[in-house]
Amino acid sequence: MNPLSFFTACLREIRAGFRLLQVLALIAGGIAIVRVLFPVWSAPTRRRVKQAWAARLVSALGVRINAIGSACVSGLAVSNHISWLDVFVINAITPTTFVCKDDVRGWPAIGWLVEHTGTLFIARGSRVAAAHSAEAMAARLQAGERVALFPEGTTTGGEQLLPFRTALFEAAVSGQVGVQAAAIRYVDAAGKSSRAPAYDGDISFVQSLLTIARSSGLRAEIRHLPPQPAGLARREYCQRSETQIAQALGTTATQPRPDALAA
């Protein structure tokens, strides 16, 4: 390695270390706020604080957000899923309640914060738990909250779109609210698609976090698509959302899984 490359690598690691220190400080501060102040704050105040905290976390990691279009302040929001970072990018734009897999609770520190700030969880392989989750989502939607989920059911590297799971749209039908889809992608300083935030395959949360912290000029682009009105069937919501996002990303969904077609 020549001296210039060595110097550049050192600067990158120093910058990454500084970013990670900021993230740790934010997490520690977030835990303290949730333990002490959340119990006495009103729901609107908690949502505003969550939004500001998410924006600071994204910024601390050196990621800029480019939001295109307007996000609805209520109703069901859905998007493609690339990274755990998606949650904070979306929340940084509009206060949102998220639906996550149950195993997120076990993530170090972040899992505790997510669990104690109003997140709804879906247990894997349990139809009863899924039904309870749908009821909880519908209740939040009827109360005027904006609830977001990722209908692919898992993350991808961003190069493809997995078939959406129809059953996840039941909450919009039960809650009698509309649906708004959004397309997310991450690009580097040159404007080219970046895999740095991807949380797929065998990548661990820590590896993903380090890769993001070491990146330069990373930008999250989120395009909010035209909202769909209340009163549609869940299959129609699913098909429309998948088509909207696929077109926005310039891709097509892979062949549907049996569970994606479930009515």
Protein backbone atom coordinates (compact mmCIF):
# COMPACT_ATOMS: atom_id res chain seq x y z
CA MET A 1 0.00 0.00 0.00
CA ASN A 2 1.42 3.38 -1.01
CA PRO A 3 1.60 6.23 1.54
CA LEU A 4 -1.39 8.07 0.06
CA SER A 5 -3.63 4.97 0.15
CA PHE A 6 -2.50 4.24 3.70
CA PHE A 7 -3.26 7.81 4.79
CA THR A 8 -6.69 7.68 3.12
CA ALA A 9 -7.48 4.37 4.80
CA CYS A 10 -6.48 5.78 8.18
CA LEU A 11 -8.71 8.81 7.70
CA ARG A 12 -11.60 6.55 6.74
CA GLU A 13 -11.19 4.50 9.91
CA ILE A 14 -10.89 7.61 12.08
CA ARG A 15 -14.06 9.02 10.53
CA ALA A 16 -15.86 5.71 11.03
CA GLY A 17 -14.76 5.61 14.66
CA PHE A 18 -16.04 9.14 15.24
CA ARG A 19 -19.38 8.25 13.65
CA LEU A 20 -19.74 5.15 15.80
CA LEU A 21 -19.02 7.17 18.93
CA GLN A 22 -21.83 9.54 17.96
CA VAL A 23 -24.15 6.58 17.42
CA LEU A 24 -23.28 5.14 20.84
CA ALA A 25 -23.92 8.52 22.45
CA LEU A 26 -27.28 8.77 20.70
CA ILE A 27 -28.27 5.29 21.82
CA ALA A 28 -27.27 5.98 25.42
CA GLY A 29 -29.16 9.27 25.38
CA GLY A 30 -32.16 7.60 23.74
CA ILE A 31 -32.34 4.91 26.42
CA ALA A 32 -32.21 7.56 29.15
CA ILE A 33 -34.96 9.60 27.48
CA VAL A 34 -37.22 6.59 26.99
CA ARG A 35 -36.76 5.43 30.59
CA VAL A 36 -37.23 8.82 32.25
CA LEU A 37 -39.31 11.06 29.97
CA PHE A 38 -41.40 8.87 27.69
CA PRO A 39 -43.75 7.79 30.51
CA VAL A 40 -44.75 11.42 31.18
CA TRP A 41 -44.78 12.76 27.62
CA SER A 42 -47.87 12.82 25.41
CA ALA A 43 -48.03 10.57 22.35
CA PRO A 44 -47.48 13.48 19.88
CA THR A 45 -44.39 14.59 21.82
CA ARG A 46 -42.99 11.05 21.82
CA ARG A 47 -43.50 10.82 18.06
CA ARG A 48 -41.74 14.14 17.45
CA VAL A 49 -38.79 13.12 19.62
CA LYS A 50 -38.54 9.75 17.84
CA GLN A 51 -38.49 11.56 14.49
CA ALA A 52 -35.73 13.96 15.61
CA TRP A 53 -33.69 11.09 17.09
CA ALA A 54 -33.96 9.07 13.88
CA ALA A 55 -32.81 12.06 11.83
CA ARG A 56 -29.79 12.54 14.10
CA LEU A 57 -28.87 8.86 13.89
CA VAL A 58 -28.95 8.88 10.08
CA SER A 59 -26.89 12.07 10.01
CA ALA A 60 -24.39 10.72 12.55
CA LEU A 61 -23.69 7.81 10.19
CA GLY A 62 -22.89 10.26 7.41
CA VAL A 63 -26.01 9.45 5.40
CA ARG A 64 -27.99 12.22 3.69
CA ILE A 65 -31.68 11.83 2.87
CA ASN A 66 -33.25 12.88 -0.41
CA ALA A 67 -37.03 12.63 -0.10
CA ILE A 68 -39.11 12.95 -3.25
CA GLY A 69 -42.83 13.59 -2.98
CA SER A 70 -44.90 13.97 0.16
CA ALA A 71 -45.40 11.35 2.84
CA CYS A 72 -48.93 10.89 4.20
CA VAL A 73 -49.13 11.61 7.93
CA SER A 74 -51.52 8.71 8.59
CA GLY A 75 -52.56 5.41 7.05
CA LEU A 76 -50.53 2.35 6.09
CA ALA A 77 -47.09 2.99 4.58
CA VAL A 78 -45.19 0.25 2.73
CA SER A 79 -41.81 0.13 0.99
CA ASN A 80 -39.14 -2.18 -0.30
CA HIS A 81 -36.65 -3.29 2.33
CA ILE A 82 -32.86 -3.08 2.01
CA SER A 83 -31.52 -2.36 5.48
CA TRP A 84 -32.31 -1.82 9.14
CA LEU A 85 -31.42 1.78 8.27
CA ASP A 86 -34.68 2.02 6.26
CA VAL A 87 -36.63 2.32 9.52
CA PHE A 88 -34.73 5.40 10.64
CA VAL A 89 -34.73 7.01 7.19
CA ILE A 90 -38.52 6.71 6.99
CA ASN A 91 -39.02 7.91 10.57
CA ALA A 92 -36.69 10.87 10.02
CA ILE A 93 -39.11 12.18 7.40
CA THR A 94 -42.47 11.54 9.10
CA PRO A 95 -43.29 10.15 12.57
CA THR A 96 -44.12 6.50 11.97
CA THR A 97 -44.98 3.38 13.94
CA PHE A 98 -43.18 0.34 12.52
CA VAL A 99 -44.03 -3.32 12.26
CA CYS A 100 -40.90 -5.45 12.71
CA LYS A 101 -39.96 -9.10 13.05
CA ASP A 102 -39.91 -10.32 16.61
CA ASP A 103 -36.17 -11.11 16.54
CA VAL A 104 -35.35 -7.37 16.36
CA ARG A 105 -36.00 -7.27 20.11
CA GLY A 106 -32.73 -9.17 20.61
CA TRP A 107 -30.51 -6.61 18.90
CA PRO A 108 -28.03 -4.96 21.31
CA ALA A 109 -29.38 -1.65 22.70
CA ILE A 110 -31.22 -0.73 19.48
CA GLY A 111 -33.57 -3.66 20.05
CA TRP A 112 -34.49 -2.37 23.51
CA LEU A 113 -35.13 1.12 22.13
CA VAL A 114 -37.27 -0.19 19.29
CA GLU A 115 -39.31 -2.34 21.68
CA HIS A 116 -39.97 0.50 24.14
CA THR A 117 -40.89 3.20 21.62
CA GLY A 118 -44.15 1.79 20.31
CA THR A 119 -42.97 -0.68 17.67
CA LEU A 120 -45.34 -3.52 16.77
CA PHE A 121 -43.84 -6.99 16.38
CA ILE A 122 -44.77 -10.01 14.28
CA ALA A 123 -43.77 -13.47 15.51
CA ARG A 124 -42.48 -15.87 12.86
CA GLY A 125 -44.52 -18.94 12.00
CA SER A 126 -47.44 -18.16 14.29
CA ARG A 127 -50.83 -17.49 12.68
CA VAL A 128 -52.34 -16.57 16.05
CA ALA A 129 -49.58 -14.03 16.76
CA ALA A 130 -49.92 -12.67 13.22
CA ALA A 131 -53.67 -12.19 13.75
CA HIS A 132 -53.03 -10.33 17.01
CA SER A 133 -50.44 -8.15 15.25
CA ALA A 134 -52.95 -7.30 12.50
CA GLU A 135 -55.50 -6.29 15.14
CA ALA A 136 -52.94 -4.08 16.90
CA MET A 137 -51.99 -2.47 13.57
CA ALA A 138 -55.64 -1.80 12.71
CA ALA A 139 -56.18 -0.18 16.12
CA ARG A 140 -53.20 2.14 15.61
CA LEU A 141 -54.38 3.03 12.10
CA GLN A 142 -57.91 3.79 13.31
CA ALA A 143 -56.37 6.05 15.96
CA GLY A 144 -54.84 8.16 13.17
CA GLU A 145 -51.26 6.90 13.35
CA ARG A 146 -49.02 6.25 10.38
CA VAL A 147 -47.99 2.59 10.47
CA ALA A 148 -45.24 1.25 8.22
CA LEU A 149 -44.28 -2.27 7.22
CA PHE A 150 -42.10 -4.02 4.64
CA PRO A 151 -44.32 -6.41 2.63
CA GLU A 152 -41.37 -8.32 1.15
CA GLY A 153 -40.98 -9.83 4.60
CA THR A 154 -37.18 -9.66 4.50
CA THR A 155 -34.32 -7.53 3.21
CA THR A 156 -32.64 -7.64 -0.19
CA GLY A 157 -29.50 -6.10 -1.62
CA GLY A 158 -31.67 -3.61 -3.49
CA GLU A 159 -31.09 -5.19 -6.90
CA GLN A 160 -34.42 -7.01 -6.88
CA LEU A 161 -37.90 -6.77 -5.45
CA LEU A 162 -39.37 -9.79 -3.70
CA PRO A 163 -43.10 -10.54 -4.07
CA PHE A 164 -45.22 -8.73 -1.51
CA ARG A 165 -47.18 -10.70 1.08
CA THR A 166 -50.86 -10.04 0.56
CA ALA A 167 -51.86 -10.85 4.15
CA LEU A 168 -49.84 -7.93 5.52
CA PHE A 169 -52.27 -5.49 3.89
CA GLU A 170 -55.21 -6.76 5.94
CA ALA A 171 -54.61 -4.03 8.55
CA ALA A 172 -55.46 -1.33 5.99
CA VAL A 173 -58.74 -3.09 5.19
CA SER A 174 -59.63 -3.64 8.87
CA GLY A 175 -58.53 -0.15 9.83
CA GLN A 176 -60.42 1.40 6.88
CA VAL A 177 -57.45 3.52 5.80
CA GLY A 178 -55.54 4.07 2.59
CA VAL A 179 -52.07 2.83 1.64
CA GLN A 180 -49.04 4.76 0.43
CA ALA A 181 -46.05 3.02 -1.12
CA ALA A 182 -42.50 4.36 -1.16
CA ALA A 183 -39.40 3.22 -3.05
CA ILE A 184 -36.06 3.30 -1.23
CA ARG A 185 -32.58 3.05 -2.70
CA TYR A 186 -29.09 4.00 -1.54
CA VAL A 187 -26.51 5.67 -3.76
CA ASP A 188 -22.86 6.63 -3.35
CA ALA A 189 -21.16 9.98 -3.90
CA ALA A 190 -21.18 9.37 -7.66
CA GLY A 191 -24.92 8.69 -7.67
CA LYS A 192 -24.48 4.97 -8.34
CA SER A 193 -26.39 2.29 -6.45
CA SER A 194 -24.59 1.34 -3.22
CA ARG A 195 -24.72 -1.96 -1.35
CA ALA A 196 -23.13 -0.42 1.76
CA PRO A 197 -26.36 -0.38 3.81
CA ALA A 198 -27.56 -3.80 2.59
CA TYR A 199 -28.51 -6.11 5.43
CA ASP A 200 -29.02 -9.35 3.55
CA GLY A 201 -27.43 -12.78 3.35
CA ASP A 202 -25.02 -13.58 6.18
CA ILE A 203 -24.19 -9.97 7.02
CA SER A 204 -24.48 -9.26 10.74
CA PHE A 205 -25.91 -6.08 12.21
CA VAL A 206 -22.44 -5.01 13.42
CA GLN A 207 -20.88 -5.65 9.99
CA SER A 208 -23.64 -3.62 8.35
CA LEU A 209 -23.18 -0.78 10.83
CA LEU A 210 -19.41 -0.69 10.26
CA THR A 211 -19.81 -0.70 6.48
CA ILE A 212 -22.19 2.25 6.62
CA ALA A 213 -19.91 4.16 9.00
CA ARG A 214 -16.94 3.64 6.67
CA SER A 215 -18.81 4.83 3.58
CA SER A 216 -18.38 8.25 2.03
CA GLY A 217 -21.10 10.34 0.40
CA LEU A 218 -23.84 7.79 1.07
CA ARG A 219 -27.33 9.04 0.28
CA ALA A 220 -30.74 7.51 0.95
CA GLU A 221 -33.27 8.29 -1.75
CA ILE A 222 -36.92 7.71 -0.90
CA ARG A 223 -39.66 8.36 -3.42
CA HIS A 224 -43.18 8.68 -1.99
CA LEU A 225 -45.70 7.39 -4.51
CA PRO A 226 -49.35 8.42 -5.07
CA PRO A 227 -51.50 7.20 -2.16
CA GLN A 228 -54.21 4.59 -2.67
CA PRO A 229 -57.65 5.35 -1.20
CA ALA A 230 -59.37 3.48 1.60
CA GLY A 231 -61.87 0.80 0.68
CA LEU A 232 -59.83 -1.48 -1.59
CA ALA A 233 -59.29 -5.20 -1.08
CA ARG A 234 -55.97 -6.30 0.40
CA ARG A 235 -54.97 -8.12 -2.80
CA GLU A 236 -55.49 -4.93 -4.79
CA TYR A 237 -53.46 -2.90 -2.28
CA CYS A 238 -50.71 -5.50 -2.53
CA GLN A 239 -50.61 -5.60 -6.33
CA ARG A 240 -50.80 -1.83 -6.73
CA SER A 241 -48.05 -1.20 -4.16
CA GLU A 242 -45.74 -3.80 -5.68
CA THR A 243 -46.26 -2.35 -9.17
CA GLN A 244 -45.70 1.24 -8.02
CA ILE A 245 -42.46 0.41 -6.23
CA ALA A 246 -41.16 -1.83 -9.03
CA GLN A 247 -41.74 0.93 -11.57
CA ALA A 248 -40.08 3.55 -9.34
CA LEU A 249 -37.02 1.32 -8.91
CA GLY A 250 -36.95 0.29 -12.57
CA THR A 251 -37.21 -3.39 -11.75
CA THR A 252 -39.74 -6.22 -11.56
CA ALA A 253 -40.66 -8.56 -8.74
CA THR A 254 -39.37 -12.12 -8.81
CA GLN A 255 -41.79 -15.04 -9.09
CA PRO A 256 -44.33 -14.93 -6.25
CA ARG A 257 -44.07 -17.25 -3.27
CA PRO A 258 -47.17 -19.24 -2.22
CA ASP A 259 -47.54 -17.11 0.94
CA ALA A 260 -47.37 -13.94 -1.14
CA LEU A 261 -50.44 -15.06 -3.06
CA ALA A 262 -52.47 -15.93 0.04
CA ALA A 263 -55.79 -14.14 -0.11
